[in-house]
C-alpha atoms as a PDB file:
ATOM      1  CA  MET A   1    -121.993-194.736  43.467  1.00  0.00           C
ATOM      2  CA  THR A   2    -124.288-191.855  44.262  1.00  0.00           C
ATOM      3  CA  LEU A   3    -124.150-190.038  47.585  1.00  0.00           C
ATOM      4  CA  GLU A   4    -127.503-191.567  48.526  1.00  0.00           C
ATOM      5  CA  THR A   5    -126.131-195.055  47.878  1.00  0.00           C
ATOM      6  CA  LYS A   6    -123.078-194.358  50.040  1.00  0.00           C
ATOM      7  CA  LYS A   7    -125.226-193.000  52.847  1.00  0.00           C
ATOM      8  CA  SER A   8    -127.470-196.056  52.734  1.00  0.00           C
ATOM      9  CA  ILE A   9    -124.456-198.372  53.076  1.00  0.00           C
ATOM     10  CA  PHE A  10    -123.237-196.588  56.192  1.00  0.00           C
ATOM     11  CA  VAL A  11    -126.751-196.669  57.627  1.00  0.00           C
ATOM     12  CA  GLU A  12    -126.628-200.452  57.176  1.00  0.00           C
ATOM     13  CA  LEU A  13    -123.273-200.478  58.960  1.00  0.00           C
ATOM     14  CA  GLY A  14    -124.880-198.546  61.811  1.00  0.00           C
ATOM     15  CA  LYS A  15    -127.623-201.160  62.040  1.00  0.00           C
ATOM     16  CA  PHE A  16    -124.991-203.900  62.143  1.00  0.00           C
ATOM     17  CA  LEU A  17    -123.066-202.155  64.951  1.00  0.00           C
ATOM     18  CA  SER A  18    -126.231-201.495  66.948  1.00  0.00           C
ATOM     19  CA  GLN A  19    -126.524-205.210  67.712  1.00  0.00           C
ATOM     20  CA  PHE A  20    -123.398-205.210  69.887  1.00  0.00           C
ATOM     21  CA  SER A  21    -123.308-203.935  73.444  1.00  0.00           C
ATOM     22  CA  GLU A  22    -121.550-205.015  76.595  1.00  0.00           C
ATOM     23  CA  ASP A  23    -124.687-206.181  78.395  1.00  0.00           C
ATOM     24  CA  ASN A  24    -127.110-206.984  75.607  1.00  0.00           C
ATOM     25  CA  THR A  25    -125.712-208.283  72.314  1.00  0.00           C
ATOM     26  CA  ILE A  26    -128.667-209.580  70.307  1.00  0.00           C
ATOM     27  CA  GLU A  27    -128.652-210.683  66.691  1.00  0.00           C
ATOM     28  CA  ASN A  28    -131.211-208.887  64.552  1.00  0.00           C
ATOM     29  CA  PRO A  29    -132.410-211.102  61.671  1.00  0.00           C
ATOM     30  CA  ASP A  30    -133.117-208.013  59.550  1.00  0.00           C
ATOM     31  CA  VAL A  31    -129.450-206.924  59.493  1.00  0.00           C
ATOM     32  CA  LEU A  32    -127.668-207.678  56.239  1.00  0.00           C
ATOM     33  CA  ASN A  33    -124.975-210.382  56.107  1.00  0.00           C
ATOM     34  CA  ASN A  34    -125.148-211.324  59.763  1.00  0.00           C
ATOM     35  CA  ASP A  35    -124.513-214.919  58.757  1.00  0.00           C
ATOM     36  CA  LEU A  36    -121.038-213.899  57.621  1.00  0.00           C
ATOM     37  CA  PHE A  37    -120.107-211.269  60.176  1.00  0.00           C
ATOM     38  CA  PHE A  38    -122.084-211.406  63.439  1.00  0.00           C
ATOM     39  CA  GLU A  39    -120.197-214.163  65.285  1.00  0.00           C
ATOM     40  CA  SER A  40    -116.861-213.086  63.806  1.00  0.00           C
ATOM     41  CA  PHE A  41    -117.310-209.578  65.192  1.00  0.00           C
ATOM     42  CA  ILE A  42    -118.077-210.932  68.657  1.00  0.00           C
ATOM     43  CA  ASP A  43    -114.865-212.953  68.466  1.00  0.00           C
ATOM     44  CA  LEU A  44    -112.889-209.894  67.364  1.00  0.00           C
ATOM     45  CA  ILE A  45    -114.232-207.820  70.252  1.00  0.00           C
ATOM     46  CA  LYS A  46    -113.200-210.564  72.678  1.00  0.00           C
ATOM     47  CA  LEU A  47    -109.705-210.636  71.177  1.00  0.00           C
ATOM     48  CA  SER A  48    -109.240-206.861  71.093  1.00  0.00           C
ATOM     49  CA  GLN A  49    -107.663-206.680  74.530  1.00  0.00           C
ATOM     50  CA  SER A  50    -105.051-209.251  73.495  1.00  0.00           C
ATOM     51  CA  HIS A  51    -104.134-206.970  70.565  1.00  0.00           C
ATOM     52  CA  ASN A  52    -104.089-203.845  72.735  1.00  0.00           C
ATOM     53  CA  GLY A  53    -104.303-204.064  76.518  1.00  0.00           C
ATOM     54  CA  TRP A  54    -106.248-200.793  76.726  1.00  0.00           C
ATOM     55  CA  TYR A  55    -109.007-202.135  74.441  1.00  0.00           C
ATOM     56  CA  THR A  56    -111.084-203.831  77.115  1.00  0.00           C
ATOM     57  CA  PRO A  57    -114.488-205.157  76.025  1.00  0.00           C
ATOM     58  CA  GLU A  58    -116.176-202.286  77.883  1.00  0.00           C
ATOM     59  CA  GLN A  59    -114.246-199.652  75.934  1.00  0.00           C
ATOM     60  CA  VAL A  60    -114.621-201.387  72.571  1.00  0.00           C
ATOM     61  CA  TYR A  61    -118.362-201.843  73.049  1.00  0.00           C
ATOM     62  CA  PHE A  62    -118.671-198.174  74.018  1.00  0.00           C
ATOM     63  CA  SER A  63    -116.978-197.098  70.791  1.00  0.00           C
ATOM     64  CA  ILE A  64    -119.132-199.464  68.734  1.00  0.00           C
ATOM     65  CA  GLN A  65    -122.326-198.146  70.306  1.00  0.00           C
ATOM     66  CA  SER A  66    -121.212-194.551  69.757  1.00  0.00           C
ATOM     67  CA  TRP A  67    -120.829-195.199  66.038  1.00  0.00           C
ATOM     68  CA  ALA A  68    -124.073-197.154  65.893  1.00  0.00           C
ATOM     69  CA  LYS A  69    -125.877-194.087  67.242  1.00  0.00           C
ATOM     70  CA  ALA A  70    -124.065-191.758  64.845  1.00  0.00           C
ATOM     71  CA  LEU A  71    -124.653-193.742  61.649  1.00  0.00           C
ATOM     72  CA  THR A  72    -128.334-193.054  61.133  1.00  0.00           C
ATOM     73  CA  GLU A  73    -130.039-191.636  58.056  1.00  0.00           C
ATOM     74  CA  GLU A  74    -131.063-188.549  60.024  1.00  0.00           C
ATOM     75  CA  ASN A  75    -127.530-187.828  61.265  1.00  0.00           C
ATOM     76  CA  LEU A  76    -125.909-188.425  57.893  1.00  0.00           C
ATOM     77  CA  ASN A  77    -128.423-186.169  56.159  1.00  0.00           C
ATOM     78  CA  GLN A  78    -127.974-183.393  58.719  1.00  0.00           C
ATOM     79  CA  TRP A  79    -124.176-183.629  58.509  1.00  0.00           C
ATOM     80  CA  LEU A  80    -123.933-183.637  54.727  1.00  0.00           C
ATOM     81  CA  SER A  81    -126.697-181.132  53.982  1.00  0.00           C
ATOM     82  CA  ALA A  82    -124.180-178.302  54.322  1.00  0.00           C
ATOM     83  CA  TYR A  83    -122.098-179.520  51.361  1.00  0.00           C
ATOM     84  CA  THR A  84    -122.395-180.009  47.613  1.00  0.00           C
ATOM     85  CA  ILE A  85    -120.754-183.368  46.994  1.00  0.00           C
ATOM     86  CA  ASP A  86    -119.853-184.568  43.515  1.00  0.00           C
ATOM     87  CA  THR A  87    -119.074-188.278  43.828  1.00  0.00           C
ATOM     88  CA  THR A  88    -118.029-188.618  40.177  1.00  0.00           C
ATOM     89  CA  LYS A  89    -114.546-187.172  40.809  1.00  0.00           C
ATOM     90  CA  SER A  90    -112.337-189.334  42.994  1.00  0.00           C
ATOM     91  CA  LYS A  91    -108.984-188.522  44.542  1.00  0.00           C
ATOM     92  CA  ASN A  92    -106.726-190.859  46.499  1.00  0.00           C
ATOM     93  CA  ILE A  93    -106.614-189.782  50.137  1.00  0.00           C
ATOM     94  CA  ALA A  94    -104.054-191.295  52.500  1.00  0.00           C
ATOM     95  CA  LEU A  95    -104.949-191.715  56.156  1.00  0.00           C
ATOM     96  CA  ILE A  96    -102.363-192.243  58.879  1.00  0.00           C
ATOM     97  CA  LEU A  97    -104.393-193.212  61.908  1.00  0.00           C
ATOM     98  CA  ALA A  98    -103.795-193.057  65.623  1.00  0.00           C
ATOM     99  CA  GLY A  99    -104.598-196.017  67.860  1.00  0.00           C
ATOM    100  CA  ASN A 100    -105.151-194.475  71.270  1.00  0.00           C
ATOM    101  CA  ILE A 101    -108.845-195.417  71.431  1.00  0.00           C
ATOM    102  CA  PRO A 102    -110.903-197.975  69.460  1.00  0.00           C
ATOM    103  CA  LEU A 103    -111.888-196.845  65.943  1.00  0.00           C
ATOM    104  CA  VAL A 104    -110.418-193.382  66.542  1.00  0.00           C
ATOM    105  CA  GLY A 105    -109.832-192.970  62.795  1.00  0.00           C
ATOM    106  CA  PHE A 106    -113.286-194.019  61.653  1.00  0.00           C
ATOM    107  CA  HIS A 107    -114.554-190.461  61.106  1.00  0.00           C
ATOM    108  CA  ASP A 108    -111.742-189.751  58.634  1.00  0.00           C
ATOM    109  CA  PHE A 109    -112.385-193.079  56.907  1.00  0.00           C
ATOM    110  CA  LEU A 110    -116.093-192.266  56.627  1.00  0.00           C
ATOM    111  CA  SER A 111    -115.431-188.709  55.441  1.00  0.00           C
ATOM    112  CA  VAL A 112    -113.148-189.809  52.611  1.00  0.00           C
ATOM    113  CA  LEU A 113    -115.565-192.419  51.289  1.00  0.00           C
ATOM    114  CA  ILE A 114    -118.756-190.407  51.730  1.00  0.00           C
ATOM    115  CA  SER A 115    -117.177-187.506  49.817  1.00  0.00           C
ATOM    116  CA  GLY A 116    -116.600-189.791  46.824  1.00  0.00           C
ATOM    117  CA  ASN A 117    -112.885-190.367  47.230  1.00  0.00           C
ATOM    118  CA  ASN A 118    -110.662-193.422  47.517  1.00  0.00           C
ATOM    119  CA  VAL A 119    -108.984-194.158  50.832  1.00  0.00           C
ATOM    120  CA  LEU A 120    -105.511-195.553  51.515  1.00  0.00           C
ATOM    121  CA  VAL A 121    -105.327-196.457  55.189  1.00  0.00           C
ATOM    122  CA  LYS A 122    -102.229-196.922  57.290  1.00  0.00           C
ATOM    123  CA  THR A 123    -103.527-198.192  60.622  1.00  0.00           C
ATOM    124  CA  SER A 124    -101.771-197.804  63.934  1.00  0.00           C
ATOM    125  CA  SER A 125    -100.077-200.915  65.298  1.00  0.00           C
ATOM    126  CA  ASN A 126    -102.363-200.413  68.311  1.00  0.00           C
ATOM    127  CA  ASP A 127    -105.571-200.694  66.279  1.00  0.00           C
ATOM    128  CA  GLN A 128    -105.063-202.945  63.271  1.00  0.00           C
ATOM    129  CA  HIS A 129    -108.209-205.074  63.264  1.00  0.00           C
ATOM    130  CA  LEU A 130    -111.450-203.213  63.964  1.00  0.00           C
ATOM    131  CA  LEU A 131    -111.504-200.840  60.983  1.00  0.00           C
ATOM    132  CA  PRO A 132    -110.452-203.488  58.399  1.00  0.00           C
ATOM    133  CA  PHE A 133    -113.287-205.684  59.693  1.00  0.00           C
ATOM    134  CA  LEU A 134    -115.844-202.891  59.197  1.00  0.00           C
ATOM    135  CA  ALA A 135    -114.401-202.233  55.739  1.00  0.00           C
ATOM    136  CA  LYS A 136    -114.993-205.887  54.834  1.00  0.00           C
ATOM    137  CA  TYR A 137    -118.563-205.563  56.050  1.00  0.00           C
ATOM    138  CA  ILE A 138    -119.423-202.561  53.869  1.00  0.00           C
ATOM    139  CA  ILE A 139    -117.694-204.194  50.870  1.00  0.00           C
ATOM    140  CA  SER A 140    -119.881-207.269  51.395  1.00  0.00           C
ATOM    141  CA  ILE A 141    -122.935-205.025  51.054  1.00  0.00           C
ATOM    142  CA  GLU A 142    -121.592-202.916  48.206  1.00  0.00           C
ATOM    143  CA  PRO A 143    -118.730-204.645  46.311  1.00  0.00           C
ATOM    144  CA  ARG A 144    -117.870-201.427  44.459  1.00  0.00           C
ATOM    145  CA  PHE A 145    -116.275-200.210  47.678  1.00  0.00           C
ATOM    146  CA  ALA A 146    -113.542-202.820  47.178  1.00  0.00           C
ATOM    147  CA  ASP A 147    -111.925-200.581  44.543  1.00  0.00           C
ATOM    148  CA  LYS A 148    -112.113-197.541  46.837  1.00  0.00           C
ATOM    149  CA  ILE A 149    -110.559-198.962  50.051  1.00  0.00           C
ATOM    150  CA  SER A 150    -106.948-200.041  50.515  1.00  0.00           C
ATOM    151  CA  PHE A 151    -105.056-200.870  53.688  1.00  0.00           C
ATOM    152  CA  VAL A 152    -101.335-200.201  53.354  1.00  0.00           C
ATOM    153  CA  GLU A 153     -98.606-201.818  55.443  1.00  0.00           C
ATOM    154  CA  GLY A 154     -95.531-200.359  53.766  1.00  0.00           C
ATOM    155  CA  LYS A 155     -94.817-196.987  52.237  1.00  0.00           C
ATOM    156  CA  LEU A 156     -97.750-194.834  51.183  1.00  0.00           C
ATOM    157  CA  GLU A 157     -97.672-194.132  47.467  1.00  0.00           C
ATOM    158  CA  ASN A 158     -99.872-192.641  44.728  1.00  0.00           C
ATOM    159  CA  PHE A 159    -102.017-190.359  46.864  1.00  0.00           C
ATOM    160  CA  ASP A 160    -103.262-186.826  46.264  1.00  0.00           C
ATOM    161  CA  ALA A 161    -103.717-185.634  49.865  1.00  0.00           C
ATOM    162  CA  VAL A 162    -103.146-186.908  53.372  1.00  0.00           C
ATOM    163  CA  ILE A 163    -104.788-186.767  56.792  1.00  0.00           C
ATOM    164  CA  ALA A 164    -102.336-187.776  59.505  1.00  0.00           C
ATOM    165  CA  THR A 165    -102.763-187.940  63.259  1.00  0.00           C
ATOM    166  CA  GLY A 166     -99.970-188.247  65.796  1.00  0.00           C
ATOM    167  CA  SER A 167     -98.074-186.662  68.634  1.00  0.00           C
ATOM    168  CA  ASN A 168     -96.497-183.224  68.432  1.00  0.00           C
ATOM    169  CA  ASN A 169     -93.192-184.902  67.566  1.00  0.00           C
ATOM    170  CA  THR A 170     -94.586-187.079  64.782  1.00  0.00           C
ATOM    171  CA  ALA A 171     -96.593-184.104  63.480  1.00  0.00           C
ATOM    172  CA  ARG A 172     -93.328-182.283  62.736  1.00  0.00           C
ATOM    173  CA  TYR A 173     -92.186-185.308  60.763  1.00  0.00           C
ATOM    174  CA  PHE A 174     -95.518-185.463  58.918  1.00  0.00           C
ATOM    175  CA  GLU A 175     -95.356-181.746  58.076  1.00  0.00           C
ATOM    176  CA  TYR A 176     -91.913-182.189  56.538  1.00  0.00           C
ATOM    177  CA  TYR A 177     -92.601-185.486  54.792  1.00  0.00           C
ATOM    178  CA  PHE A 178     -95.913-184.351  53.285  1.00  0.00           C
ATOM    179  CA  LYS A 179     -94.922-180.725  52.614  1.00  0.00           C
ATOM    180  CA  ASP A 180     -95.719-181.105  48.924  1.00  0.00           C
ATOM    181  CA  LYS A 181     -99.188-182.561  49.445  1.00  0.00           C
ATOM    182  CA  PRO A 182    -102.435-180.990  50.672  1.00  0.00           C
ATOM    183  CA  SER A 183    -102.769-182.197  54.237  1.00  0.00           C
ATOM    184  CA  ILE A 184    -104.483-182.118  57.591  1.00  0.00           C
ATOM    185  CA  ILE A 185    -101.891-182.818  60.284  1.00  0.00           C
ATOM    186  CA  ARG A 186    -103.363-183.383  63.714  1.00  0.00           C
ATOM    187  CA  LYS A 187    -101.193-182.910  66.792  1.00  0.00           C
ATOM    188  CA  SER A 188    -101.671-183.690  70.471  1.00  0.00           C
ATOM    189  CA  ARG A 189    -104.621-181.927  72.080  1.00  0.00           C
ATOM    190  CA  ASN A 190    -106.236-182.157  75.483  1.00  0.00           C
ATOM    191  CA  SER A 191    -109.591-181.330  76.993  1.00  0.00           C
ATOM    192  CA  VAL A 192    -110.271-179.246  80.067  1.00  0.00           C
ATOM    193  CA  ALA A 193    -113.120-178.634  82.488  1.00  0.00           C
ATOM    194  CA  VAL A 194    -113.934-175.289  84.085  1.00  0.00           C
ATOM    195  CA  LEU A 195    -115.686-175.567  87.440  1.00  0.00           C
ATOM    196  CA  SER A 196    -117.468-172.898  89.451  1.00  0.00           C
ATOM    197  CA  GLY A 197    -117.792-174.847  92.716  1.00  0.00           C
ATOM    198  CA  LYS A 198    -121.585-174.908  92.333  1.00  0.00           C
ATOM    199  CA  GLU A 199    -121.786-178.115  90.288  1.00  0.00           C
ATOM    200  CA  THR A 200    -124.241-180.781  91.401  1.00  0.00           C
ATOM    201  CA  LYS A 201    -123.126-184.255  92.359  1.00  0.00           C
ATOM    202  CA  GLU A 202    -124.697-185.546  89.136  1.00  0.00           C
ATOM    203  CA  GLN A 203    -122.599-183.146  87.089  1.00  0.00           C
ATOM    204  CA  LEU A 204    -119.406-184.188  88.877  1.00  0.00           C
ATOM    205  CA  VAL A 205    -120.241-187.871  88.408  1.00  0.00           C
ATOM    206  CA  ALA A 206    -120.698-187.149  84.708  1.00  0.00           C
ATOM    207  CA  LEU A 207    -117.340-185.348  84.700  1.00  0.00           C
ATOM    208  CA  GLY A 208    -115.850-188.650  85.838  1.00  0.00           C
ATOM    209  CA  GLU A 209    -117.027-190.148  82.531  1.00  0.00           C
ATOM    210  CA  ASP A 210    -115.134-187.417  80.684  1.00  0.00           C
ATOM    211  CA  ILE A 211    -112.017-188.262  82.703  1.00  0.00           C
ATOM    212  CA  PHE A 212    -112.053-192.066  82.864  1.00  0.00           C
ATOM    213  CA  ARG A 213    -113.648-193.216  79.577  1.00  0.00           C
ATOM    214  CA  TYR A 214    -110.979-194.993  77.490  1.00  0.00           C
ATOM    215  CA  PHE A 215    -108.774-194.707  80.620  1.00  0.00           C
ATOM    216  CA  GLY A 216    -108.154-191.071  79.735  1.00  0.00           C
ATOM    217  CA  LEU A 217    -106.286-191.889  76.530  1.00  0.00           C
ATOM    218  CA  GLY A 218    -108.377-189.784  74.129  1.00  0.00           C
ATOM    219  CA  CYS A 219    -107.928-186.157  73.148  1.00  0.00           C
ATOM    220  CA  ARG A 220    -111.538-185.593  74.254  1.00  0.00           C
ATOM    221  CA  ASN A 221    -110.774-186.858  77.770  1.00  0.00           C
ATOM    222  CA  VAL A 222    -110.562-184.163  80.434  1.00  0.00           C
ATOM    223  CA  SER A 223    -106.984-183.996  81.686  1.00  0.00           C
ATOM    224  CA  LYS A 224    -107.078-180.559  83.319  1.00  0.00           C
ATOM    225  CA  LEU A 225    -109.425-178.801  85.743  1.00  0.00           C
ATOM    226  CA  PHE A 226    -109.711-175.066  86.248  1.00  0.00           C
ATOM    227  CA  VAL A 227    -111.243-174.328  89.648  1.00  0.00           C
ATOM    228  CA  PRO A 228    -111.940-171.080  91.533  1.00  0.00           C
ATOM    229  CA  LYS A 229    -109.538-169.918  94.222  1.00  0.00           C
ATOM    230  CA  GLY A 230    -110.251-171.770  97.472  1.00  0.00           C
ATOM    231  CA  TYR A 231    -112.063-174.649  95.748  1.00  0.00           C
ATOM    232  CA  SER A 232    -112.506-177.786  97.871  1.00  0.00           C
ATOM    233  CA  PHE A 233    -112.117-181.084  96.006  1.00  0.00           C
ATOM    234  CA  ASP A 234    -114.171-183.035  98.547  1.00  0.00           C
ATOM    235  CA  ALA A 235    -117.342-183.071  96.426  1.00  0.00           C
ATOM    236  CA  PHE A 236    -115.322-183.967  93.325  1.00  0.00           C
ATOM    237  CA  PHE A 237    -113.668-186.944  95.015  1.00  0.00           C
ATOM    238  CA  GLU A 238    -116.984-188.099  96.475  1.00  0.00           C
ATOM    239  CA  ALA A 239    -118.620-188.026  93.042  1.00  0.00           C
ATOM    240  CA  ILE A 240    -115.886-189.821  91.114  1.00  0.00           C
ATOM    241  CA  PHE A 241    -115.667-192.634  93.693  1.00  0.00           C
ATOM    242  CA  GLU A 242    -118.160-194.306  91.367  1.00  0.00           C
ATOM    243  CA  TYR A 243    -115.241-195.003  89.004  1.00  0.00           C
ATOM    244  CA  GLN A 244    -113.052-196.763  91.575  1.00  0.00           C
ATOM    245  CA  ASP A 245    -113.075-200.061  89.642  1.00  0.00           C
ATOM    246  CA  VAL A 246    -110.716-198.521  87.076  1.00  0.00           C
ATOM    247  CA  ILE A 247    -107.836-199.413  89.384  1.00  0.00           C
ATOM    248  CA  HIS A 248    -108.557-203.121  88.820  1.00  0.00           C
ATOM    249  CA  TYR A 249    -107.279-202.867  85.230  1.00  0.00           C
ATOM    250  CA  GLU A 250    -103.615-203.840  85.380  1.00  0.00           C
ATOM    251  CA  LYS A 251    -102.302-201.353  82.820  1.00  0.00           C
ATOM    252  CA  TYR A 252    -104.119-198.470  84.502  1.00  0.00           C
ATOM    253  CA  ALA A 253    -102.962-199.583  87.963  1.00  0.00           C
ATOM    254  CA  ASN A 254     -99.366-199.783  86.768  1.00  0.00           C
ATOM    255  CA  ASN A 255     -99.569-196.234  85.437  1.00  0.00           C
ATOM    256  CA  TYR A 256    -101.160-195.030  88.668  1.00  0.00           C
ATOM    257  CA  ASP A 257     -98.393-196.571  90.785  1.00  0.00           C
ATOM    258  CA  TYR A 258     -95.615-195.325  88.512  1.00  0.00           C
ATOM    259  CA  ASN A 259     -96.852-191.759  88.055  1.00  0.00           C
ATOM    260  CA  LYS A 260     -97.700-191.367  91.719  1.00  0.00           C
ATOM    261  CA  ALA A 261     -94.209-192.556  92.658  1.00  0.00           C
ATOM    262  CA  VAL A 262     -92.607-190.083  90.211  1.00  0.00           C
ATOM    263  CA  PHE A 263     -94.659-187.221  91.625  1.00  0.00           C
ATOM    264  CA  LEU A 264     -93.861-188.114  95.233  1.00  0.00           C
ATOM    265  CA  MET A 265     -90.138-188.530  94.579  1.00  0.00           C
ATOM    266  CA  SER A 266     -90.167-185.053  93.069  1.00  0.00           C
ATOM    267  CA  ASN A 267     -91.822-183.749  96.254  1.00  0.00           C
ATOM    268  CA  PHE A 268     -94.920-182.566  94.418  1.00  0.00           C
ATOM    269  CA  LYS A 269     -97.978-181.945  96.525  1.00  0.00           C
ATOM    270  CA  LEU A 270    -100.710-184.394  95.515  1.00  0.00           C
ATOM    271  CA  LEU A 271    -104.367-185.029  96.197  1.00  0.00           C
ATOM    272  CA  ASP A 272    -105.025-188.764  95.965  1.00  0.00           C
ATOM    273  CA  ASN A 273    -108.026-191.051  96.410  1.00  0.00           C
ATOM    274  CA  GLY A 274    -106.408-194.405  95.678  1.00  0.00           C
ATOM    275  CA  PHE A 275    -107.110-194.469  91.922  1.00  0.00           C
ATOM    276  CA  LEU A 276    -106.594-190.881  90.735  1.00  0.00           C
ATOM    277  CA  THR A 277    -104.064-188.231  91.652  1.00  0.00           C
ATOM    278  CA  LEU A 278    -104.672-184.492  91.337  1.00  0.00           C
ATOM    279  CA  LYS A 279    -101.635-182.263  90.888  1.00  0.00           C
ATOM    280  CA  GLU A 280    -101.502-178.485  90.596  1.00  0.00           C
ATOM    281  CA  ASP A 281     -99.760-177.887  87.278  1.00  0.00           C
ATOM    282  CA  LYS A 282     -99.937-175.368  84.418  1.00  0.00           C
ATOM    283  CA  SER A 283     -99.615-178.044  81.725  1.00  0.00           C
ATOM    284  CA  PRO A 284    -102.810-179.103  79.913  1.00  0.00           C
ATOM    285  CA  ALA A 285    -101.541-182.678  79.441  1.00  0.00           C
ATOM    286  CA  SER A 286    -101.549-184.959  82.464  1.00  0.00           C
ATOM    287  CA  PRO A 287    -100.335-188.572  82.489  1.00  0.00           C
ATOM    288  CA  ILE A 288    -102.694-191.537  82.740  1.00  0.00           C
ATOM    289  CA  SER A 289    -104.312-191.839  86.206  1.00  0.00           C
ATOM    290  CA  SER A 290    -103.686-188.174  86.979  1.00  0.00           C
ATOM    291  CA  VAL A 291    -105.528-184.916  86.360  1.00  0.00           C
ATOM    292  CA  PHE A 292    -103.844-181.528  86.630  1.00  0.00           C
ATOM    293  CA  TYR A 293    -105.586-178.488  88.063  1.00  0.00           C
ATOM    294  CA  GLU A 294    -105.159-174.747  88.321  1.00  0.00           C
ATOM    295  CA  PHE A 295    -106.929-172.118  90.377  1.00  0.00           C
ATOM    296  CA  TYR A 296    -108.377-169.052  88.685  1.00  0.00           C
ATOM    297  CA  ASP A 297    -109.309-165.671  90.152  1.00  0.00           C
ATOM    298  CA  ASP A 298    -111.405-164.160  87.383  1.00  0.00           C
ATOM    299  CA  ILE A 299    -113.491-166.142  84.906  1.00  0.00           C
ATOM    300  CA  ASN A 300    -113.076-163.489  82.204  1.00  0.00           C
ATOM    301  CA  ASP A 301    -109.292-163.695  82.445  1.00  0.00           C
ATOM    302  CA  LEU A 302    -109.595-167.481  82.143  1.00  0.00           C
ATOM    303  CA  LYS A 303    -111.792-167.142  79.055  1.00  0.00           C
ATOM    304  CA  THR A 304    -109.127-164.965  77.429  1.00  0.00           C
ATOM    305  CA  ARG A 305    -106.423-167.479  78.256  1.00  0.00           C
ATOM    306  CA  LEU A 306    -108.403-170.447  76.938  1.00  0.00           C
ATOM    307  CA  GLU A 307    -109.072-168.590  73.710  1.00  0.00           C
ATOM    308  CA  ALA A 308    -105.346-167.872  73.338  1.00  0.00           C
ATOM    309  CA  GLU A 309    -104.541-171.550  73.945  1.00  0.00           C
ATOM    310  CA  SER A 310    -107.308-172.915  71.725  1.00  0.00           C
ATOM    311  CA  ASP A 311    -104.835-174.701  69.448  1.00  0.00           C
ATOM    312  CA  GLN A 312    -103.968-176.991  72.380  1.00  0.00           C
ATOM    313  CA  ILE A 313    -107.549-177.714  73.475  1.00  0.00           C
ATOM    314  CA  GLN A 314    -109.973-180.209  71.943  1.00  0.00           C
ATOM    315  CA  CYS A 315    -112.978-179.726  74.257  1.00  0.00           C
ATOM    316  CA  ILE A 316    -113.970-177.444  77.119  1.00  0.00           C
ATOM    317  CA  VAL A 317    -116.456-178.813  79.645  1.00  0.00           C
ATOM    318  CA  SER A 318    -118.472-176.513  81.895  1.00  0.00           C
ATOM    319  CA  ASP A 319    -121.946-175.598  83.048  1.00  0.00           C
ATOM    320  CA  LYS A 320    -122.228-172.759  80.519  1.00  0.00           C
ATOM    321  CA  LEU A 321    -119.305-170.896  82.108  1.00  0.00           C
ATOM    322  CA  ILE A 322    -117.455-170.862  78.787  1.00  0.00           C
ATOM    323  CA  GLU A 323    -119.082-170.141  75.431  1.00  0.00           C
ATOM    324  CA  ASN A 324    -119.605-173.261  73.283  1.00  0.00           C
ATOM    325  CA  SER A 325    -118.498-175.550  76.100  1.00  0.00           C
ATOM    326  CA  ILE A 326    -119.757-179.123  76.331  1.00  0.00           C
ATOM    327  CA  ASP A 327    -122.017-180.452  79.080  1.00  0.00           C
ATOM    328  CA  PHE A 328    -120.545-182.754  81.690  1.00  0.00           C
ATOM    329  CA  GLY A 329    -120.350-186.367  80.558  1.00  0.00           C
ATOM    330  CA  GLN A 330    -120.649-185.583  76.846  1.00  0.00           C
ATOM    331  CA  THR A 331    -117.078-185.302  75.565  1.00  0.00           C
ATOM    332  CA  GLN A 332    -117.084-188.844  74.149  1.00  0.00           C
ATOM    333  CA  HIS A 333    -120.346-188.314  72.259  1.00  0.00           C
ATOM    334  CA  PRO A 334    -119.351-186.058  69.348  1.00  0.00           C
ATOM    335  CA  GLU A 335    -121.747-185.580  66.463  1.00  0.00           C
ATOM    336  CA  LEU A 336    -120.663-186.286  62.900  1.00  0.00           C
ATOM    337  CA  TRP A 337    -120.324-182.540  62.348  1.00  0.00           C
ATOM    338  CA  ASN A 338    -118.034-182.053  65.384  1.00  0.00           C
ATOM    339  CA  TYR A 339    -114.635-182.144  63.687  1.00  0.00           C
ATOM    340  CA  ALA A 340    -111.363-182.973  65.416  1.00  0.00           C
ATOM    341  CA  ASP A 341    -109.297-179.800  65.963  1.00  0.00           C
ATOM    342  CA  ASN A 342    -112.259-177.866  64.489  1.00  0.00           C
ATOM    343  CA  VAL A 343    -110.913-178.568  60.990  1.00  0.00           C
ATOM    344  CA  ASP A 344    -113.744-179.296  58.539  1.00  0.00           C
ATOM    345  CA  THR A 345    -112.612-182.567  56.961  1.00  0.00           C
ATOM    346  CA  ILE A 346    -115.335-182.635  54.314  1.00  0.00           C
ATOM    347  CA  SER A 347    -114.551-179.104  53.120  1.00  0.00           C
ATOM    348  CA  PHE A 348    -110.874-180.058  52.908  1.00  0.00           C
ATOM    349  CA  LEU A 349    -111.688-183.128  50.836  1.00  0.00           C
ATOM    350  CA  LEU A 350    -114.005-181.223  48.521  1.00  0.00           C
ATOM    351  CA  THR A 351    -111.555-178.399  47.828  1.00  0.00           C
ATOM    352  CA  THR A 352    -108.275-180.319  47.634  1.00  0.00           C
END
């Protein structure tokens, strides 16, 4: 298959995904193979929460729409224009995927196939159904993909390189186990927001999206706030009240109750609005239903610190306070060329 053929298949996948949204799922008669896949995908979305309690329809639809918007001819061309891709030479690339948010491993899956390689996928037990379904869809459009995609339940074998995602603990295991193979090993990362105290209500409402989307389970979710000395959280709490319904999800509510109880029993000072706790803490990683914060005195000192800790940070959100930071509300809208951990997956695949 040529690169242009591969791109066209993923554009068709984008068109298929674009039909599905939480409020307005409409079948488009021009989409290929809807007769085989449209109703089945609706059923799978409905069942996702029974497979993983965090995969509510709202979160699954959000992920689907994000990929629908990404998989356009324009985006694929812009992303891949920076590379020289020879699709006649194929290697076997193993993927060990996380399952913290729906389709979290799709970018790696796409990168391996679009670069002309074969993919061996080991899905997370938390996300075993969505990606295999999309694989079946693209194979139905282009049967030659059937020889390039394998889902593996047991031991991974006969691969030339590996991309593995996990916690810091599992990353150490991956690094040892795959020490003789070219690899990308992704560890735990967190995202932070740097506030000046001059943010508008609209910006703080958008920050709530960065915090609460996927219940805070993604590495692109903001789990830490840096605020100037003397900062009042009143405006922040007023803005994020818009997200109060999150407490009605049982798994989130259970985490809120548990983590709040642990904090209080440890005599930590908390700020609390009934669905989110704020705790002053130097750690970048806060538990579900909580966000940590730190005060800063000098923004330049903070910039130096963030640069030194860049290997722990996925995204920085601010109103241009930090160079290359992301606008409020945009952390869950990465472009195809925004690589996890800033590691260029395509370059890795082309040079391995």
